[in-house]
């Protein structure tokens, strides 16, 4: 799970305008949950001033029927998030909506490599974390779609559907190639 801030164009609608203070972006945020291969599980677009935690809560709330239909005897879904999220707060808010959600999902922070591990592996500077690389690769796939580089849409719903169409196109290209 991760979010990506995207700038609006001048013809974007008022509904989709917001300013993200820490990314210094006037536009929208795309919240994306992917599977272990990087393909989308859930997508959601919000104003840029919505925090990552609230965006994740909105996205999971929109898809709560998926979790309600999931049987209790199946393993929990683990959602990995980066340090910008607060798993305790997110779980508390989701349990207000669906009390059994804690028996079906688990939210964990993605592990970072410690300085001691870096020394043992003789690495310096930036080190790729495999779990984080999956979502970042998915964000890069979206950036290849020219109409997703900036937000041209008037509504957040249309922005979300553009993201979904981008991934449908990507999946169809992969199916026809094999």
N, C-alpha and C. Protein backbone atom coordinates (compact mmCIF):
# COMPACT_ATOMS: atom_id res chain seq x y z
N UNK A 1 0.83 -1.18 0.00
CA UNK A 1 0.00 0.00 0.00
C UNK A 1 0.88 1.24 0.00
N UNK A 2 0.54 2.18 -0.87
CA UNK A 2 1.27 3.44 -0.91
C UNK A 2 0.39 4.48 -1.57
N UNK A 3 0.77 5.73 -1.43
CA UNK A 3 0.06 6.81 -2.10
C UNK A 3 1.05 7.61 -2.93
N UNK A 4 0.51 8.27 -3.95
CA UNK A 4 1.32 9.06 -4.85
C UNK A 4 0.60 10.37 -5.11
N UNK A 5 1.25 11.48 -4.87
CA UNK A 5 0.65 12.79 -5.13
C UNK A 5 0.87 13.16 -6.59
N UNK A 6 -0.18 13.71 -7.22
CA UNK A 6 -0.13 14.07 -8.64
C UNK A 6 -0.69 15.48 -8.79
N UNK A 7 -0.04 16.30 -9.60
CA UNK A 7 -0.50 17.67 -9.81
C UNK A 7 -1.73 17.71 -10.69
N UNK A 8 -2.60 18.68 -10.42
CA UNK A 8 -3.77 18.94 -11.25
C UNK A 8 -3.38 19.83 -12.42
N UNK A 9 -4.15 19.75 -13.49
CA UNK A 9 -4.03 20.72 -14.57
C UNK A 9 -5.05 21.82 -14.33
N UNK A 10 -5.06 22.83 -15.18
CA UNK A 10 -5.97 23.95 -14.97
C UNK A 10 -7.43 23.56 -15.19
N UNK A 11 -7.71 22.51 -15.95
CA UNK A 11 -9.09 22.12 -16.20
C UNK A 11 -9.60 21.06 -15.24
N UNK A 12 -8.84 20.69 -14.20
CA UNK A 12 -9.31 19.73 -13.21
C UNK A 12 -10.41 20.38 -12.37
N UNK A 13 -11.35 19.57 -11.90
CA UNK A 13 -12.50 20.08 -11.17
C UNK A 13 -12.15 20.54 -9.76
N UNK A 14 -13.04 21.37 -9.20
CA UNK A 14 -12.86 21.88 -7.84
C UNK A 14 -12.86 20.74 -6.83
N UNK A 15 -13.66 19.69 -7.09
CA UNK A 15 -13.75 18.55 -6.18
C UNK A 15 -12.41 17.85 -6.00
N UNK A 16 -11.58 17.91 -7.02
CA UNK A 16 -10.31 17.18 -6.96
C UNK A 16 -9.12 18.06 -6.61
N UNK A 17 -9.36 19.24 -6.07
CA UNK A 17 -8.24 20.13 -5.73
C UNK A 17 -7.94 20.06 -4.24
N UNK A 18 -6.68 19.88 -3.93
CA UNK A 18 -6.21 19.88 -2.56
C UNK A 18 -4.71 20.09 -2.56
N UNK A 19 -4.15 20.58 -1.45
CA UNK A 19 -2.73 20.85 -1.40
C UNK A 19 -2.08 19.94 -0.37
N UNK A 20 -1.09 19.17 -0.80
CA UNK A 20 -0.35 18.28 0.09
C UNK A 20 0.87 19.06 0.61
N UNK A 21 0.89 19.29 1.94
CA UNK A 21 1.94 20.12 2.53
C UNK A 21 3.32 19.48 2.44
N UNK A 22 3.42 18.19 2.74
CA UNK A 22 4.76 17.60 2.81
C UNK A 22 5.29 17.17 1.45
N UNK A 23 4.44 17.06 0.44
CA UNK A 23 4.94 16.78 -0.90
C UNK A 23 4.88 18.01 -1.79
N UNK A 24 4.33 19.11 -1.24
CA UNK A 24 4.23 20.39 -1.95
C UNK A 24 3.59 20.23 -3.32
N UNK A 25 2.43 19.56 -3.34
CA UNK A 25 1.74 19.29 -4.58
C UNK A 25 0.30 19.77 -4.48
N UNK A 26 -0.17 20.48 -5.49
CA UNK A 26 -1.55 20.91 -5.57
C UNK A 26 -2.26 19.97 -6.54
N UNK A 27 -3.08 19.05 -6.03
CA UNK A 27 -3.75 18.10 -6.92
C UNK A 27 -4.45 17.00 -6.16
N UNK A 28 -4.17 15.76 -6.56
CA UNK A 28 -4.81 14.59 -5.97
C UNK A 28 -3.76 13.63 -5.43
N UNK A 29 -4.24 12.65 -4.67
CA UNK A 29 -3.40 11.54 -4.23
C UNK A 29 -4.03 10.26 -4.75
N UNK A 30 -3.20 9.41 -5.32
CA UNK A 30 -3.65 8.09 -5.76
C UNK A 30 -3.20 7.09 -4.71
N UNK A 31 -4.15 6.41 -4.11
CA UNK A 31 -3.85 5.38 -3.12
C UNK A 31 -3.97 4.04 -3.84
N UNK A 32 -2.95 3.22 -3.69
CA UNK A 32 -2.87 1.98 -4.46
C UNK A 32 -2.47 0.83 -3.55
N UNK A 33 -3.24 -0.23 -3.58
CA UNK A 33 -2.88 -1.46 -2.88
C UNK A 33 -2.64 -2.51 -3.96
N UNK A 34 -1.48 -3.17 -3.90
CA UNK A 34 -1.11 -4.14 -4.93
C UNK A 34 -0.85 -5.49 -4.31
N UNK A 35 -0.88 -6.54 -5.15
CA UNK A 35 -0.53 -7.88 -4.69
C UNK A 35 0.98 -8.05 -4.76
N UNK A 36 1.45 -9.25 -4.53
CA UNK A 36 2.90 -9.49 -4.47
C UNK A 36 3.58 -9.37 -5.84
N UNK A 37 2.80 -9.33 -6.92
CA UNK A 37 3.37 -9.16 -8.25
C UNK A 37 3.33 -7.71 -8.71
N UNK A 38 2.66 -6.85 -7.95
CA UNK A 38 2.57 -5.45 -8.31
C UNK A 38 1.30 -5.09 -9.04
N UNK A 39 0.38 -6.03 -9.21
CA UNK A 39 -0.88 -5.73 -9.87
C UNK A 39 -1.89 -5.20 -8.86
N UNK A 40 -2.75 -4.28 -9.29
CA UNK A 40 -3.63 -3.59 -8.34
C UNK A 40 -4.66 -4.51 -7.69
N UNK A 41 -4.83 -4.28 -6.43
CA UNK A 41 -5.85 -4.98 -5.64
C UNK A 41 -7.00 -4.01 -5.42
N UNK A 42 -6.68 -2.81 -4.90
CA UNK A 42 -7.65 -1.74 -4.71
C UNK A 42 -7.01 -0.43 -5.14
N UNK A 43 -7.84 0.50 -5.66
CA UNK A 43 -7.37 1.83 -6.01
C UNK A 43 -8.37 2.85 -5.49
N UNK A 44 -7.87 4.05 -5.22
CA UNK A 44 -8.73 5.12 -4.74
C UNK A 44 -8.00 6.44 -4.96
N UNK A 45 -8.73 7.47 -5.40
CA UNK A 45 -8.15 8.80 -5.54
C UNK A 45 -8.84 9.74 -4.57
N UNK A 46 -8.05 10.59 -3.92
CA UNK A 46 -8.56 11.58 -2.97
C UNK A 46 -7.90 12.91 -3.25
N UNK A 47 -8.40 13.95 -2.58
CA UNK A 47 -7.72 15.24 -2.65
C UNK A 47 -6.33 15.08 -2.07
N UNK A 48 -5.40 15.92 -2.48
CA UNK A 48 -4.02 15.79 -2.02
C UNK A 48 -3.86 16.11 -0.54
N UNK A 49 -4.79 16.86 0.05
CA UNK A 49 -4.65 17.20 1.46
C UNK A 49 -5.15 16.11 2.40
N UNK A 50 -5.65 15.00 1.88
CA UNK A 50 -6.07 13.86 2.71
C UNK A 50 -4.81 13.09 3.11
N UNK A 51 -4.69 12.78 4.40
CA UNK A 51 -3.49 12.07 4.88
C UNK A 51 -3.46 10.65 4.33
N UNK A 52 -2.28 10.04 4.37
CA UNK A 52 -2.14 8.66 3.90
C UNK A 52 -3.02 7.72 4.70
N UNK A 53 -3.07 7.91 6.03
CA UNK A 53 -3.90 7.06 6.88
C UNK A 53 -5.37 7.14 6.49
N UNK A 54 -5.89 8.35 6.34
CA UNK A 54 -7.30 8.52 5.99
C UNK A 54 -7.60 8.01 4.59
N UNK A 55 -6.64 8.17 3.67
CA UNK A 55 -6.82 7.64 2.32
C UNK A 55 -6.90 6.12 2.32
N UNK A 56 -6.06 5.47 3.13
CA UNK A 56 -6.11 4.00 3.25
C UNK A 56 -7.42 3.56 3.86
N UNK A 57 -7.88 4.28 4.89
CA UNK A 57 -9.15 3.95 5.53
C UNK A 57 -10.30 4.10 4.53
N UNK A 58 -10.28 5.19 3.73
CA UNK A 58 -11.33 5.39 2.72
C UNK A 58 -11.31 4.27 1.68
N UNK A 59 -10.11 3.89 1.23
CA UNK A 59 -10.00 2.85 0.21
C UNK A 59 -10.51 1.51 0.73
N UNK A 60 -10.10 1.13 1.94
CA UNK A 60 -10.54 -0.14 2.49
C UNK A 60 -12.02 -0.11 2.84
N UNK A 61 -12.55 1.04 3.25
CA UNK A 61 -13.98 1.16 3.53
C UNK A 61 -14.79 0.99 2.26
N UNK A 62 -14.31 1.57 1.15
CA UNK A 62 -15.01 1.41 -0.14
C UNK A 62 -15.08 -0.05 -0.58
N UNK A 63 -14.11 -0.85 -0.16
CA UNK A 63 -14.05 -2.25 -0.56
C UNK A 63 -14.30 -3.20 0.62
N UNK A 64 -15.05 -2.74 1.61
CA UNK A 64 -15.28 -3.53 2.82
C UNK A 64 -16.06 -4.82 2.52
N UNK A 65 -16.88 -4.82 1.47
CA UNK A 65 -17.62 -6.04 1.12
C UNK A 65 -16.68 -7.19 0.80
N UNK A 66 -15.52 -6.89 0.23
CA UNK A 66 -14.53 -7.94 -0.05
C UNK A 66 -14.14 -8.64 1.25
N UNK A 67 -13.89 -7.86 2.28
CA UNK A 67 -13.46 -8.43 3.56
C UNK A 67 -14.62 -9.12 4.28
N UNK A 68 -15.83 -8.62 4.12
CA UNK A 68 -16.99 -9.27 4.75
C UNK A 68 -17.24 -10.66 4.14
N UNK A 69 -17.01 -10.79 2.84
CA UNK A 69 -17.23 -12.09 2.17
C UNK A 69 -16.09 -13.07 2.40
N UNK A 70 -14.94 -12.58 2.81
CA UNK A 70 -13.78 -13.46 3.03
C UNK A 70 -14.05 -14.37 4.23
N UNK A 71 -13.90 -15.70 4.07
CA UNK A 71 -14.16 -16.61 5.20
C UNK A 71 -13.19 -16.39 6.36
N UNK A 72 -13.64 -16.71 7.56
CA UNK A 72 -12.82 -16.52 8.76
C UNK A 72 -11.67 -17.52 8.84
N UNK A 73 -11.83 -18.71 8.25
CA UNK A 73 -10.82 -19.75 8.41
C UNK A 73 -9.65 -19.63 7.43
N UNK A 74 -9.63 -18.60 6.59
CA UNK A 74 -8.53 -18.38 5.65
C UNK A 74 -7.51 -17.46 6.34
N UNK A 75 -6.23 -17.60 5.95
CA UNK A 75 -5.17 -16.79 6.54
C UNK A 75 -5.47 -15.30 6.41
N UNK A 76 -4.94 -14.53 7.36
CA UNK A 76 -5.10 -13.08 7.33
C UNK A 76 -4.34 -12.49 6.16
N UNK A 77 -4.90 -11.43 5.60
CA UNK A 77 -4.21 -10.67 4.57
C UNK A 77 -3.27 -9.70 5.28
N UNK A 78 -2.00 -9.68 4.88
CA UNK A 78 -1.05 -8.76 5.46
C UNK A 78 -0.89 -7.57 4.54
N UNK A 79 -1.14 -6.39 5.06
CA UNK A 79 -0.99 -5.15 4.31
C UNK A 79 0.28 -4.47 4.81
N UNK A 80 1.27 -4.35 3.93
CA UNK A 80 2.52 -3.68 4.28
C UNK A 80 2.43 -2.21 3.92
N UNK A 81 2.79 -1.36 4.87
CA UNK A 81 2.77 0.08 4.66
C UNK A 81 4.13 0.66 5.03
N UNK A 82 4.40 1.87 4.57
CA UNK A 82 5.68 2.50 4.92
C UNK A 82 5.54 3.29 6.22
N UNK A 83 6.58 4.02 6.57
CA UNK A 83 6.61 4.71 7.87
C UNK A 83 5.66 5.89 7.94
N UNK A 84 5.03 6.28 6.85
CA UNK A 84 4.07 7.38 6.85
C UNK A 84 2.70 6.99 7.37
N UNK A 85 2.49 5.72 7.62
CA UNK A 85 1.20 5.22 8.09
C UNK A 85 1.29 4.85 9.57
N UNK A 86 0.13 4.80 10.22
CA UNK A 86 0.04 4.44 11.63
C UNK A 86 -0.93 3.25 11.76
N UNK A 87 -0.40 2.02 11.76
CA UNK A 87 -1.25 0.82 11.75
C UNK A 87 -2.27 0.75 12.89
N UNK A 88 -1.91 1.17 14.10
CA UNK A 88 -2.84 1.12 15.22
C UNK A 88 -4.05 2.01 14.99
N UNK A 89 -3.83 3.22 14.51
CA UNK A 89 -4.92 4.15 14.22
C UNK A 89 -5.81 3.61 13.11
N UNK A 90 -5.20 3.06 12.06
CA UNK A 90 -5.96 2.55 10.92
C UNK A 90 -6.85 1.39 11.35
N UNK A 91 -6.29 0.45 12.12
CA UNK A 91 -7.08 -0.70 12.57
C UNK A 91 -8.23 -0.26 13.48
N UNK A 92 -7.98 0.71 14.36
CA UNK A 92 -9.03 1.19 15.25
C UNK A 92 -10.18 1.81 14.46
N UNK A 93 -9.86 2.59 13.42
CA UNK A 93 -10.90 3.20 12.60
C UNK A 93 -11.66 2.16 11.78
N UNK A 94 -10.95 1.16 11.25
CA UNK A 94 -11.62 0.13 10.46
C UNK A 94 -12.51 -0.75 11.33
N UNK A 95 -12.10 -0.99 12.58
CA UNK A 95 -12.92 -1.81 13.48
C UNK A 95 -14.21 -1.10 13.87
N UNK A 96 -14.26 0.22 13.79
CA UNK A 96 -15.51 0.95 14.02
C UNK A 96 -16.51 0.64 12.91
N UNK A 97 -16.00 0.43 11.70
CA UNK A 97 -16.85 0.16 10.55
C UNK A 97 -17.23 -1.32 10.48
N UNK A 98 -16.24 -2.18 10.70
CA UNK A 98 -16.44 -3.64 10.63
C UNK A 98 -15.64 -4.28 11.75
N UNK A 99 -16.29 -4.64 12.87
CA UNK A 99 -15.57 -5.14 14.06
C UNK A 99 -14.72 -6.39 13.83
N UNK A 100 -15.06 -7.26 12.89
CA UNK A 100 -14.29 -8.48 12.65
C UNK A 100 -13.10 -8.29 11.71
N UNK A 101 -12.83 -7.07 11.30
CA UNK A 101 -11.74 -6.84 10.34
C UNK A 101 -10.39 -7.28 10.89
N UNK A 102 -10.20 -7.20 12.20
CA UNK A 102 -8.94 -7.60 12.81
C UNK A 102 -8.66 -9.09 12.69
N UNK A 103 -9.70 -9.89 12.44
CA UNK A 103 -9.53 -11.32 12.25
C UNK A 103 -9.24 -11.68 10.80
N UNK A 104 -9.33 -10.68 9.91
CA UNK A 104 -9.16 -10.95 8.49
C UNK A 104 -7.94 -10.26 7.88
N UNK A 105 -7.53 -9.12 8.44
CA UNK A 105 -6.35 -8.43 7.90
C UNK A 105 -5.39 -8.07 9.03
N UNK A 106 -4.15 -7.82 8.63
CA UNK A 106 -3.11 -7.38 9.55
C UNK A 106 -2.34 -6.28 8.81
N UNK A 107 -2.13 -5.15 9.48
CA UNK A 107 -1.39 -4.05 8.88
C UNK A 107 -0.05 -3.95 9.58
N UNK A 108 1.02 -4.04 8.81
CA UNK A 108 2.38 -3.99 9.35
C UNK A 108 3.20 -2.97 8.59
N UNK A 109 4.15 -2.37 9.30
CA UNK A 109 5.09 -1.47 8.63
C UNK A 109 6.12 -2.32 7.89
N UNK A 110 6.44 -1.90 6.70
CA UNK A 110 7.43 -2.61 5.90
C UNK A 110 8.80 -2.51 6.57
N UNK A 111 9.50 -3.64 6.69
CA UNK A 111 10.79 -3.60 7.40
C UNK A 111 11.84 -2.79 6.64
N UNK A 112 12.63 -2.06 7.42
CA UNK A 112 13.75 -1.31 6.85
C UNK A 112 15.03 -2.03 7.22
N UNK A 113 16.04 -1.82 6.42
CA UNK A 113 17.35 -2.42 6.72
C UNK A 113 18.04 -1.54 7.76
N UNK A 114 18.48 -2.17 8.83
CA UNK A 114 19.15 -1.44 9.91
C UNK A 114 20.59 -1.12 9.52
N UNK A 115 21.19 -0.13 10.18
CA UNK A 115 22.61 0.18 9.89
C UNK A 115 23.53 -1.02 10.13
N UNK A 116 23.20 -1.86 11.11
CA UNK A 116 24.03 -3.04 11.38
C UNK A 116 23.96 -4.03 10.21
N UNK A 117 22.75 -4.21 9.65
CA UNK A 117 22.60 -5.10 8.51
C UNK A 117 23.36 -4.56 7.30
N UNK A 118 23.32 -3.23 7.13
CA UNK A 118 24.06 -2.62 6.02
C UNK A 118 25.55 -2.92 6.14
N UNK A 119 26.08 -2.81 7.38
CA UNK A 119 27.50 -3.10 7.59
C UNK A 119 27.82 -4.55 7.28
N UNK A 120 26.95 -5.47 7.74
CA UNK A 120 27.18 -6.89 7.48
C UNK A 120 27.17 -7.21 5.99
N UNK A 121 26.27 -6.56 5.26
CA UNK A 121 26.17 -6.80 3.82
C UNK A 121 27.10 -5.90 3.01
N UNK A 122 27.87 -5.05 3.71
CA UNK A 122 28.83 -4.13 3.08
C UNK A 122 28.18 -3.23 2.04
N UNK A 123 27.07 -2.61 2.44
CA UNK A 123 26.36 -1.69 1.56
C UNK A 123 26.36 -0.31 2.19
N UNK A 124 26.35 0.71 1.34
CA UNK A 124 26.31 2.09 1.81
C UNK A 124 25.20 2.83 1.07
N UNK A 125 24.67 3.87 1.72
CA UNK A 125 23.67 4.72 1.08
C UNK A 125 22.32 4.04 0.95
N UNK A 126 21.67 4.29 -0.18
CA UNK A 126 20.32 3.77 -0.42
C UNK A 126 20.35 2.27 -0.69
N UNK A 127 19.51 1.52 0.03
CA UNK A 127 19.40 0.08 -0.18
C UNK A 127 17.94 -0.24 -0.50
N UNK A 128 17.72 -0.98 -1.57
CA UNK A 128 16.38 -1.34 -1.99
C UNK A 128 15.77 -2.35 -1.02
N UNK A 129 14.55 -2.05 -0.57
CA UNK A 129 13.80 -3.00 0.26
C UNK A 129 12.81 -3.70 -0.68
N UNK A 130 12.89 -5.03 -0.77
CA UNK A 130 12.11 -5.77 -1.76
C UNK A 130 10.61 -5.53 -1.65
N UNK A 131 10.08 -5.51 -0.45
CA UNK A 131 8.63 -5.31 -0.27
C UNK A 131 8.20 -3.92 -0.74
N UNK A 132 9.02 -2.91 -0.54
CA UNK A 132 8.69 -1.55 -0.96
C UNK A 132 8.85 -1.40 -2.47
N UNK A 133 9.75 -2.15 -3.05
CA UNK A 133 10.02 -2.01 -4.47
C UNK A 133 8.80 -2.41 -5.31
N UNK A 134 7.99 -3.32 -4.83
CA UNK A 134 6.82 -3.79 -5.59
C UNK A 134 5.86 -2.64 -5.85
N UNK A 135 5.51 -1.89 -4.81
CA UNK A 135 4.55 -0.80 -4.99
C UNK A 135 5.16 0.35 -5.78
N UNK A 136 6.43 0.61 -5.60
CA UNK A 136 7.08 1.68 -6.36
C UNK A 136 7.14 1.34 -7.84
N UNK A 137 7.32 0.07 -8.16
CA UNK A 137 7.32 -0.37 -9.56
C UNK A 137 5.93 -0.17 -10.16
N UNK A 138 4.89 -0.45 -9.39
CA UNK A 138 3.52 -0.25 -9.87
C UNK A 138 3.25 1.23 -10.13
N UNK A 139 3.75 2.10 -9.25
CA UNK A 139 3.61 3.53 -9.49
C UNK A 139 4.35 3.94 -10.76
N UNK A 140 5.49 3.35 -11.03
CA UNK A 140 6.24 3.65 -12.25
C UNK A 140 5.48 3.18 -13.48
N UNK A 141 4.78 2.04 -13.39
CA UNK A 141 3.96 1.57 -14.51
C UNK A 141 2.88 2.58 -14.83
N UNK A 142 2.29 3.17 -13.79
CA UNK A 142 1.25 4.18 -14.02
C UNK A 142 1.83 5.41 -14.71
N UNK A 143 3.05 5.78 -14.36
CA UNK A 143 3.66 6.97 -14.94
C UNK A 143 3.91 6.81 -16.45
N UNK A 144 3.92 5.58 -16.96
CA UNK A 144 4.10 5.37 -18.40
C UNK A 144 2.87 5.79 -19.19
N UNK A 145 1.71 5.82 -18.53
CA UNK A 145 0.49 6.27 -19.21
C UNK A 145 0.52 7.79 -19.26
N UNK A 146 0.54 8.36 -20.45
CA UNK A 146 0.70 9.81 -20.59
C UNK A 146 -0.40 10.58 -19.90
N UNK A 147 -1.63 10.05 -19.92
CA UNK A 147 -2.73 10.79 -19.32
C UNK A 147 -2.77 10.67 -17.80
N UNK A 148 -1.84 9.95 -17.18
CA UNK A 148 -1.78 9.86 -15.73
C UNK A 148 -0.60 10.63 -15.13
N UNK A 149 0.20 11.27 -15.97
CA UNK A 149 1.33 12.05 -15.46
C UNK A 149 0.81 13.22 -14.64
N UNK A 150 -0.26 13.85 -15.12
CA UNK A 150 -0.96 14.90 -14.37
C UNK A 150 -2.43 14.51 -14.30
N UNK A 151 -3.15 15.14 -13.39
CA UNK A 151 -4.57 14.86 -13.26
C UNK A 151 -5.36 15.81 -14.16
N UNK A 152 -6.00 15.27 -15.19
CA UNK A 152 -6.81 16.05 -16.10
C UNK A 152 -8.30 15.93 -15.79
N UNK A 153 -8.67 15.05 -14.89
CA UNK A 153 -10.07 14.72 -14.66
C UNK A 153 -10.77 15.72 -13.74
N UNK A 154 -12.07 15.90 -13.97
CA UNK A 154 -12.86 16.83 -13.15
C UNK A 154 -13.31 16.21 -11.84
N UNK A 155 -13.46 14.89 -11.78
CA UNK A 155 -13.93 14.24 -10.55
C UNK A 155 -12.92 13.19 -10.09
N UNK A 156 -12.97 12.90 -8.80
CA UNK A 156 -12.08 11.88 -8.23
C UNK A 156 -12.46 10.49 -8.74
N UNK A 157 -13.75 10.26 -8.96
CA UNK A 157 -14.21 8.97 -9.50
C UNK A 157 -13.58 8.71 -10.86
N UNK A 158 -13.59 9.73 -11.74
CA UNK A 158 -12.99 9.57 -13.07
C UNK A 158 -11.49 9.34 -12.98
N UNK A 159 -10.84 9.98 -12.03
CA UNK A 159 -9.39 9.78 -11.84
C UNK A 159 -9.11 8.33 -11.43
N UNK A 160 -9.94 7.80 -10.53
CA UNK A 160 -9.77 6.41 -10.11
C UNK A 160 -9.98 5.45 -11.28
N UNK A 161 -10.99 5.74 -12.11
CA UNK A 161 -11.26 4.87 -13.25
C UNK A 161 -10.14 4.93 -14.28
N UNK A 162 -9.49 6.08 -14.44
CA UNK A 162 -8.34 6.17 -15.34
C UNK A 162 -7.20 5.28 -14.87
N UNK A 163 -6.97 5.25 -13.54
CA UNK A 163 -5.94 4.38 -12.98
C UNK A 163 -6.29 2.92 -13.27
N UNK A 164 -7.56 2.56 -13.05
CA UNK A 164 -7.99 1.19 -13.32
C UNK A 164 -7.83 0.83 -14.79
N UNK A 165 -8.17 1.74 -15.68
CA UNK A 165 -8.00 1.49 -17.12
C UNK A 165 -6.53 1.31 -17.50
N UNK A 166 -5.67 2.07 -16.86
CA UNK A 166 -4.23 1.93 -17.11
C UNK A 166 -3.76 0.52 -16.77
N UNK A 167 -4.20 0.00 -15.64
CA UNK A 167 -3.77 -1.34 -15.25
C UNK A 167 -4.45 -2.42 -16.07
N UNK A 168 -5.68 -2.20 -16.50
CA UNK A 168 -6.33 -3.16 -17.39
C UNK A 168 -5.56 -3.25 -18.70
N UNK A 169 -5.16 -2.09 -19.22
CA UNK A 169 -4.37 -2.07 -20.45
C UNK A 169 -3.05 -2.82 -20.27
N UNK A 170 -2.40 -2.60 -19.13
CA UNK A 170 -1.13 -3.28 -18.83
C UNK A 170 -1.33 -4.79 -18.77
N UNK A 171 -2.39 -5.23 -18.08
CA UNK A 171 -2.66 -6.67 -17.97
C UNK A 171 -2.97 -7.29 -19.33
N UNK A 172 -3.75 -6.58 -20.15
CA UNK A 172 -4.08 -7.11 -21.48
C UNK A 172 -2.84 -7.22 -22.36
N UNK A 173 -1.94 -6.24 -22.26
CA UNK A 173 -0.69 -6.32 -23.04
C UNK A 173 0.13 -7.53 -22.63
N UNK A 174 0.16 -7.81 -21.32
CA UNK A 174 0.92 -8.96 -20.84
C UNK A 174 0.27 -10.27 -21.25
N UNK A 175 -1.06 -10.32 -21.27
CA UNK A 175 -1.74 -11.55 -21.68
C UNK A 175 -1.53 -11.83 -23.17
N UNK A 176 -1.57 -10.78 -23.98
CA UNK A 176 -1.39 -11.01 -25.42
C UNK A 176 0.05 -11.33 -25.77
N UNK A 177 0.99 -10.90 -24.95
CA UNK A 177 2.42 -11.19 -25.21
C UNK A 177 2.74 -12.65 -24.90
N UNK A 178 2.00 -13.27 -24.00
CA UNK A 178 2.32 -14.65 -23.64
C UNK A 178 1.50 -15.68 -24.34
